[in-house]
Amino acid sequence: MKGQSGNPGGRPREIGEIKDLARAHTADAIEALRGIAVDLTAPASARVAASEALLNRAWGRPSLAISAEGESEPLELIVSWRGA
């Protein structure tokens, strides 16, 4: 029906409660990531992953840059839309 939300009941309460519970542990999770990032005995891959996670949460994920320089063929973008 026109003008009616596809989800009139909104998000289920349980999902909101789970998010609230998870968010209550944000400080601990960030501290754990920090601990891994600065632990010189941790594998390099773990330190990089922890560092990336911290930077992404602090500054956002970097944008994707596409360069058309070089000798490759031009890019072709195909978009398919299946709307109502």
C-alpha atoms as a PDB file:
ATOM      1  CA  MET A   1       0.000   0.000   0.000  1.00  0.00           C
ATOM      2  CA  LYS A   2       1.337   3.431  -0.935  1.00  0.00           C
ATOM      3  CA  GLY A   3       2.708   5.396   2.006  1.00  0.00           C
ATOM      4  CA  GLN A   4       2.966   2.361   4.290  1.00  0.00           C
ATOM      5  CA  SER A   5       6.285   1.176   5.637  1.00  0.00           C
ATOM      6  CA  GLY A   6       7.519  -2.244   4.589  1.00  0.00           C
ATOM      7  CA  ASN A   7       8.326  -2.807   8.261  1.00  0.00           C
ATOM      8  CA  PRO A   8       5.505  -1.138  10.212  1.00  0.00           C
ATOM      9  CA  GLY A   9       6.455  -2.845  13.480  1.00  0.00           C
ATOM     10  CA  GLY A  10       9.999  -1.529  13.323  1.00  0.00           C
ATOM     11  CA  ARG A  11      13.072  -3.426  14.413  1.00  0.00           C
ATOM     12  CA  PRO A  12      12.341  -6.299  16.797  1.00  0.00           C
ATOM     13  CA  ARG A  13      13.012  -5.387  20.419  1.00  0.00           C
ATOM     14  CA  GLU A  14      15.381  -8.355  20.841  1.00  0.00           C
ATOM     15  CA  ILE A  15      17.802  -6.939  18.255  1.00  0.00           C
ATOM     16  CA  GLY A  16      17.904  -3.607  20.055  1.00  0.00           C
ATOM     17  CA  GLU A  17      18.555  -5.352  23.355  1.00  0.00           C
ATOM     18  CA  ILE A  18      21.399  -7.392  21.848  1.00  0.00           C
ATOM     19  CA  LYS A  19      22.948  -4.227  20.412  1.00  0.00           C
ATOM     20  CA  ASP A  20      22.695  -2.540  23.808  1.00  0.00           C
ATOM     21  CA  LEU A  21      24.399  -5.510  25.487  1.00  0.00           C
ATOM     22  CA  ALA A  22      27.180  -5.561  22.890  1.00  0.00           C
ATOM     23  CA  ARG A  23      27.687  -1.797  23.100  1.00  0.00           C
ATOM     24  CA  ALA A  24      28.106  -2.088  26.865  1.00  0.00           C
ATOM     25  CA  HIS A  25      31.398  -3.904  26.118  1.00  0.00           C
ATOM     26  CA  THR A  26      32.760  -1.325  23.664  1.00  0.00           C
ATOM     27  CA  ALA A  27      35.443   0.036  26.006  1.00  0.00           C
ATOM     28  CA  ASP A  28      36.677  -3.483  26.819  1.00  0.00           C
ATOM     29  CA  ALA A  29      36.770  -4.434  23.132  1.00  0.00           C
ATOM     30  CA  ILE A  30      38.731  -1.323  22.204  1.00  0.00           C
ATOM     31  CA  GLU A  31      41.160  -1.959  25.048  1.00  0.00           C
ATOM     32  CA  ALA A  32      41.632  -5.543  23.812  1.00  0.00           C
ATOM     33  CA  LEU A  33      42.343  -4.273  20.289  1.00  0.00           C
ATOM     34  CA  ARG A  34      44.812  -1.744  21.689  1.00  0.00           C
ATOM     35  CA  GLY A  35      46.519  -4.468  23.686  1.00  0.00           C
ATOM     36  CA  ILE A  36      46.985  -6.621  20.586  1.00  0.00           C
ATOM     37  CA  ALA A  37      48.144  -3.666  18.466  1.00  0.00           C
ATOM     38  CA  VAL A  38      50.960  -2.769  20.878  1.00  0.00           C
ATOM     39  CA  ASP A  39      51.981  -6.329  21.855  1.00  0.00           C
ATOM     40  CA  LEU A  40      55.343  -6.871  20.165  1.00  0.00           C
ATOM     41  CA  THR A  41      55.071 -10.613  20.819  1.00  0.00           C
ATOM     42  CA  ALA A  42      51.768 -10.902  18.932  1.00  0.00           C
ATOM     43  CA  PRO A  43      51.895 -12.048  15.305  1.00  0.00           C
ATOM     44  CA  ALA A  44      52.301  -9.158  12.870  1.00  0.00           C
ATOM     45  CA  SER A  45      49.017 -10.048  11.156  1.00  0.00           C
ATOM     46  CA  ALA A  46      47.136  -9.747  14.448  1.00  0.00           C
ATOM     47  CA  ARG A  47      48.787  -6.399  15.208  1.00  0.00           C
ATOM     48  CA  VAL A  48      47.892  -5.065  11.761  1.00  0.00           C
ATOM     49  CA  ALA A  49      44.289  -6.303  12.010  1.00  0.00           C
ATOM     50  CA  ALA A  50      43.861  -4.736  15.459  1.00  0.00           C
ATOM     51  CA  SER A  51      45.413  -1.468  14.279  1.00  0.00           C
ATOM     52  CA  GLU A  52      43.147  -1.365  11.215  1.00  0.00           C
ATOM     53  CA  ALA A  53      40.082  -2.039  13.356  1.00  0.00           C
ATOM     54  CA  LEU A  54      40.980   0.804  15.716  1.00  0.00           C
ATOM     55  CA  LEU A  55      41.733   3.248  12.894  1.00  0.00           C
ATOM     56  CA  ASN A  56      38.544   2.336  11.016  1.00  0.00           C
ATOM     57  CA  ARG A  57      36.436   2.939  14.087  1.00  0.00           C
ATOM     58  CA  ALA A  58      38.182   6.209  14.906  1.00  0.00           C
ATOM     59  CA  TRP A  59      38.443   7.728  11.421  1.00  0.00           C
ATOM     60  CA  GLY A  60      36.159   5.621   9.217  1.00  0.00           C
ATOM     61  CA  ARG A  61      37.165   3.257   6.478  1.00  0.00           C
ATOM     62  CA  PRO A  62      39.304   4.769   3.743  1.00  0.00           C
ATOM     63  CA  SER A  63      37.536   5.548   0.497  1.00  0.00           C
ATOM     64  CA  LEU A  64      38.309   3.456  -2.556  1.00  0.00           C
ATOM     65  CA  ALA A  65      40.261   5.325  -5.211  1.00  0.00           C
ATOM     66  CA  ILE A  66      40.073   4.112  -8.801  1.00  0.00           C
ATOM     67  CA  SER A  67      42.791   5.216 -11.175  1.00  0.00           C
ATOM     68  CA  ALA A  68      42.407   5.170 -14.946  1.00  0.00           C
ATOM     69  CA  GLU A  69      46.144   5.572 -15.485  1.00  0.00           C
ATOM     70  CA  GLY A  70      48.213   2.867 -17.097  1.00  0.00           C
ATOM     71  CA  GLU A  71      47.958   0.744 -20.177  1.00  0.00           C
ATOM     72  CA  SER A  72      44.997  -1.409 -19.229  1.00  0.00           C
ATOM     73  CA  GLU A  73      41.682  -1.451 -21.027  1.00  0.00           C
ATOM     74  CA  PRO A  74      39.047   1.093 -19.924  1.00  0.00           C
ATOM     75  CA  LEU A  75      36.752   0.010 -17.114  1.00  0.00           C
ATOM     76  CA  GLU A  76      33.226  -0.985 -18.021  1.00  0.00           C
ATOM     77  CA  LEU A  77      30.561  -0.601 -15.360  1.00  0.00           C
ATOM     78  CA  ILE A  78      27.392  -2.613 -15.786  1.00  0.00           C
ATOM     79  CA  VAL A  79      24.497  -1.867 -13.455  1.00  0.00           C
ATOM     80  CA  SER A  80      21.454  -4.074 -13.272  1.00  0.00           C
ATOM     81  CA  TRP A  81      18.422  -2.798 -11.393  1.00  0.00           C
ATOM     82  CA  ARG A  82      15.508  -4.965 -10.408  1.00  0.00           C
ATOM     83  CA  GLY A  83      13.043  -2.573  -8.899  1.00  0.00           C
ATOM     84  CA  ALA A  84       9.383  -2.914  -8.106  1.00  0.00           C
END
